[in-house]
N, C-alpha and C. Protein backbone atom coordinates (compact mmCIF):
# COMPACT_ATOMS: atom_id res chain seq x y z
N MET A 1 102.62 95.86 62.54
CA MET A 1 101.63 94.90 62.99
C MET A 1 100.28 95.75 63.13
N ALA A 2 99.45 94.90 62.37
CA ALA A 2 98.00 96.08 62.14
C ALA A 2 97.36 95.94 63.51
N ARG A 3 96.39 96.96 63.96
CA ARG A 3 95.73 96.93 65.10
C ARG A 3 94.41 96.28 64.80
N LEU A 4 94.05 95.73 66.14
CA LEU A 4 92.75 94.96 66.26
C LEU A 4 91.61 95.82 65.88
N PRO A 5 90.41 95.26 65.29
CA PRO A 5 89.45 95.90 64.84
C PRO A 5 88.78 96.07 66.25
N ARG A 6 87.75 97.34 66.02
CA ARG A 6 87.14 97.54 67.35
C ARG A 6 85.30 97.42 67.05
N PRO A 7 85.00 96.02 66.82
CA PRO A 7 83.51 95.97 66.66
C PRO A 7 82.64 96.21 67.58
N THR A 8 81.49 96.12 67.69
CA THR A 8 80.59 95.97 68.61
C THR A 8 80.55 94.37 68.72
N GLY A 9 79.68 93.95 69.77
CA GLY A 9 79.37 92.73 70.03
C GLY A 9 78.45 91.95 68.81
N LYS A 10 77.62 92.46 68.34
CA LYS A 10 76.68 91.99 67.38
C LYS A 10 77.37 91.93 65.96
N GLN A 11 78.41 92.82 65.84
CA GLN A 11 79.56 92.61 64.59
C GLN A 11 80.20 91.39 64.77
N VAL A 12 81.03 91.21 65.84
CA VAL A 12 81.63 90.25 66.04
C VAL A 12 80.87 88.88 65.84
N ILE A 13 79.66 88.81 66.37
CA ILE A 13 78.78 87.50 66.35
C ILE A 13 78.57 87.36 64.83
N ALA A 14 77.89 88.28 64.02
CA ALA A 14 77.92 88.24 62.70
C ALA A 14 79.13 87.92 61.94
N ALA A 15 80.30 88.05 62.15
CA ALA A 15 81.49 87.62 61.63
C ALA A 15 81.85 86.36 61.93
N LEU A 16 81.66 85.86 63.10
CA LEU A 16 81.80 84.63 63.46
C LEU A 16 80.68 83.71 62.88
N ARG A 17 79.66 84.05 62.59
CA ARG A 17 78.52 83.23 62.14
C ARG A 17 79.04 82.84 60.42
N GLN A 18 79.66 83.81 59.81
CA GLN A 18 80.17 83.56 58.31
C GLN A 18 81.12 82.51 58.55
N LEU A 19 81.66 82.40 59.62
CA LEU A 19 82.78 81.47 60.00
C LEU A 19 82.32 79.87 60.47
N ASP A 20 80.98 79.84 60.19
CA ASP A 20 80.08 78.62 60.84
C ASP A 20 80.13 78.44 62.26
N PHE A 21 80.30 79.81 63.29
CA PHE A 21 80.32 79.36 64.37
C PHE A 21 78.68 79.53 64.76
N VAL A 22 78.22 78.99 65.79
CA VAL A 22 76.59 79.02 66.00
C VAL A 22 76.78 79.44 67.66
N VAL A 23 75.46 80.29 67.62
CA VAL A 23 75.13 80.50 68.87
C VAL A 23 74.50 79.38 70.02
N VAL A 24 75.01 78.68 70.66
CA VAL A 24 74.42 77.66 71.38
C VAL A 24 73.57 78.09 72.60
N ARG A 25 74.12 79.20 73.35
CA ARG A 25 73.16 79.59 74.57
C ARG A 25 73.33 80.88 74.86
N VAL A 26 72.58 81.80 75.47
CA VAL A 26 72.82 82.93 75.87
C VAL A 26 72.60 83.02 77.40
N LYS A 27 73.24 83.80 78.04
CA LYS A 27 73.11 84.10 79.50
C LYS A 27 73.15 85.62 79.89
N GLY A 28 72.07 86.26 79.74
CA GLY A 28 72.27 87.30 80.10
C GLY A 28 72.54 88.07 78.93
N SER A 29 73.74 88.99 78.90
CA SER A 29 74.06 89.49 77.59
C SER A 29 75.55 88.92 77.05
N HIS A 30 75.71 87.70 77.41
CA HIS A 30 76.95 87.11 76.85
C HIS A 30 76.39 85.75 76.12
N HIS A 31 76.82 85.96 74.97
CA HIS A 31 76.50 84.98 73.98
C HIS A 31 77.49 83.93 73.60
N PHE A 32 77.32 82.58 73.80
CA PHE A 32 77.96 81.56 73.77
C PHE A 32 78.22 80.79 72.23
N LEU A 33 79.34 81.10 71.66
CA LEU A 33 79.28 80.48 70.42
C LEU A 33 80.15 79.11 70.17
N GLN A 34 79.92 78.39 69.53
CA GLN A 34 80.77 77.35 69.09
C GLN A 34 81.09 76.83 67.72
N HIS A 35 82.01 76.23 67.33
CA HIS A 35 82.18 75.87 66.02
C HIS A 35 81.95 74.18 66.01
N ALA A 36 81.57 73.67 64.86
CA ALA A 36 81.54 72.16 64.84
C ALA A 36 82.94 71.10 65.18
N ASP A 37 84.10 71.86 65.13
CA ASP A 37 85.30 71.33 65.26
C ASP A 37 85.63 71.49 66.82
N GLY A 38 84.78 72.12 67.56
CA GLY A 38 85.08 72.18 68.95
C GLY A 38 85.26 73.54 69.53
N ARG A 39 85.76 74.61 68.69
CA ARG A 39 86.17 75.83 69.05
C ARG A 39 85.11 76.58 69.55
N ALA A 40 85.38 77.06 70.77
CA ALA A 40 84.17 78.22 71.49
C ALA A 40 84.56 79.23 72.13
N THR A 41 83.99 80.41 72.15
CA THR A 41 84.29 81.73 72.73
C THR A 41 82.91 82.19 73.27
N VAL A 42 83.05 83.20 74.04
CA VAL A 42 82.03 84.11 74.67
C VAL A 42 82.11 85.34 74.05
N VAL A 43 80.94 86.15 73.69
CA VAL A 43 80.96 87.29 73.08
C VAL A 43 80.04 88.35 73.95
N PRO A 44 80.37 89.27 74.72
CA PRO A 44 79.14 90.00 75.38
C PRO A 44 78.76 91.01 74.37
N VAL A 45 77.40 91.04 74.49
CA VAL A 45 76.54 92.15 73.63
C VAL A 45 76.08 93.07 74.29
N HIS A 46 76.65 94.29 74.66
CA HIS A 46 76.07 95.60 75.19
C HIS A 46 75.62 96.47 74.05
N ARG A 47 74.44 97.13 74.22
CA ARG A 47 74.25 98.28 73.32
C ARG A 47 75.15 99.31 73.21
N GLY A 48 75.80 99.67 72.19
CA GLY A 48 76.39 100.83 71.85
C GLY A 48 77.86 100.75 72.10
N GLU A 49 78.50 99.54 72.97
CA GLU A 49 79.61 99.41 73.69
C GLU A 49 80.50 98.47 72.46
N ILE A 50 81.78 98.85 72.45
CA ILE A 50 82.67 98.15 71.63
C ILE A 50 83.28 97.08 72.30
N ILE A 51 83.90 96.05 71.62
CA ILE A 51 84.70 95.22 72.32
C ILE A 51 86.09 95.70 72.31
N GLY A 52 86.65 95.71 73.57
CA GLY A 52 88.17 96.33 73.71
C GLY A 52 89.02 95.42 72.97
N PRO A 53 90.55 95.88 73.10
CA PRO A 53 91.61 95.14 72.43
C PRO A 53 91.86 93.97 72.97
N GLY A 54 91.93 93.86 74.24
CA GLY A 54 92.19 92.73 75.05
C GLY A 54 91.21 91.70 75.06
N LEU A 55 90.26 91.97 75.13
CA LEU A 55 89.03 90.97 74.93
C LEU A 55 88.91 90.48 73.52
N MET A 56 89.26 91.09 72.40
CA MET A 56 89.04 90.99 71.10
C MET A 56 90.19 89.89 70.79
N ALA A 57 91.34 90.18 71.39
CA ALA A 57 92.34 89.31 71.25
C ALA A 57 92.16 87.85 71.70
N ALA A 58 91.26 87.69 73.05
CA ALA A 58 90.97 86.55 73.53
C ALA A 58 90.02 85.75 72.69
N ILE A 59 89.38 86.43 72.26
CA ILE A 59 88.19 86.05 71.25
C ILE A 59 88.87 85.25 70.25
N LEU A 60 89.70 85.89 69.31
CA LEU A 60 90.25 85.62 68.32
C LEU A 60 91.20 84.61 68.57
N ARG A 61 91.88 84.41 69.69
CA ARG A 61 92.54 83.34 70.29
C ARG A 61 91.80 82.05 70.46
N ASP A 62 90.69 82.17 71.10
CA ASP A 62 89.54 81.24 71.28
C ASP A 62 89.28 80.54 70.26
N CYS A 63 89.08 81.40 69.25
CA CYS A 63 88.57 80.81 67.84
C CYS A 63 89.64 80.44 66.84
N ASP A 64 90.92 80.51 67.31
CA ASP A 64 91.95 80.02 66.41
C ASP A 64 91.99 81.06 64.89
N LEU A 65 91.72 82.22 65.09
CA LEU A 65 91.82 83.15 64.06
C LEU A 65 92.74 84.19 64.23
N ASP A 66 93.20 84.53 62.86
CA ASP A 66 94.05 85.54 63.03
C ASP A 66 93.43 86.89 62.37
N ARG A 67 94.18 88.21 62.58
CA ARG A 67 93.39 89.37 62.37
C ARG A 67 92.96 89.32 61.08
N GLU A 68 93.61 88.97 60.29
CA GLU A 68 93.43 89.29 58.46
C GLU A 68 92.20 88.57 58.35
N GLN A 69 91.98 87.31 58.99
CA GLN A 69 90.96 86.71 58.56
C GLN A 69 89.48 87.06 59.06
N PHE A 70 89.67 87.54 60.35
CA PHE A 70 88.53 88.36 61.15
C PHE A 70 88.32 89.48 60.41
N GLN A 71 89.12 90.39 59.80
CA GLN A 71 88.79 91.81 59.40
C GLN A 71 88.10 91.40 57.96
N ALA A 72 88.36 90.41 57.27
CA ALA A 72 87.78 89.94 55.93
C ALA A 72 86.63 89.79 56.27
N MET A 73 86.06 89.43 57.23
CA MET A 73 84.59 88.78 57.76
C MET A 73 83.84 90.16 58.30
N LEU A 74 84.46 91.33 58.60
CA LEU A 74 83.82 92.40 59.10
C LEU A 74 83.51 93.08 57.83
């Protein structure tokens, strides 16, 4: 089983935008993204910090994506 990628918050948002997710609002450092079909997630954006494996797994689960799809977008 492949390891989860360790991107920054900005990289996650850029990858999700390629998959037609849109930032619907921002509260502090948390960006709320939503897809037209109703899938939604929250991505924290802190300068210089990577998204940990647990949070990355939760984001992929929220977006109904697998690791291979997401890695192709990075």
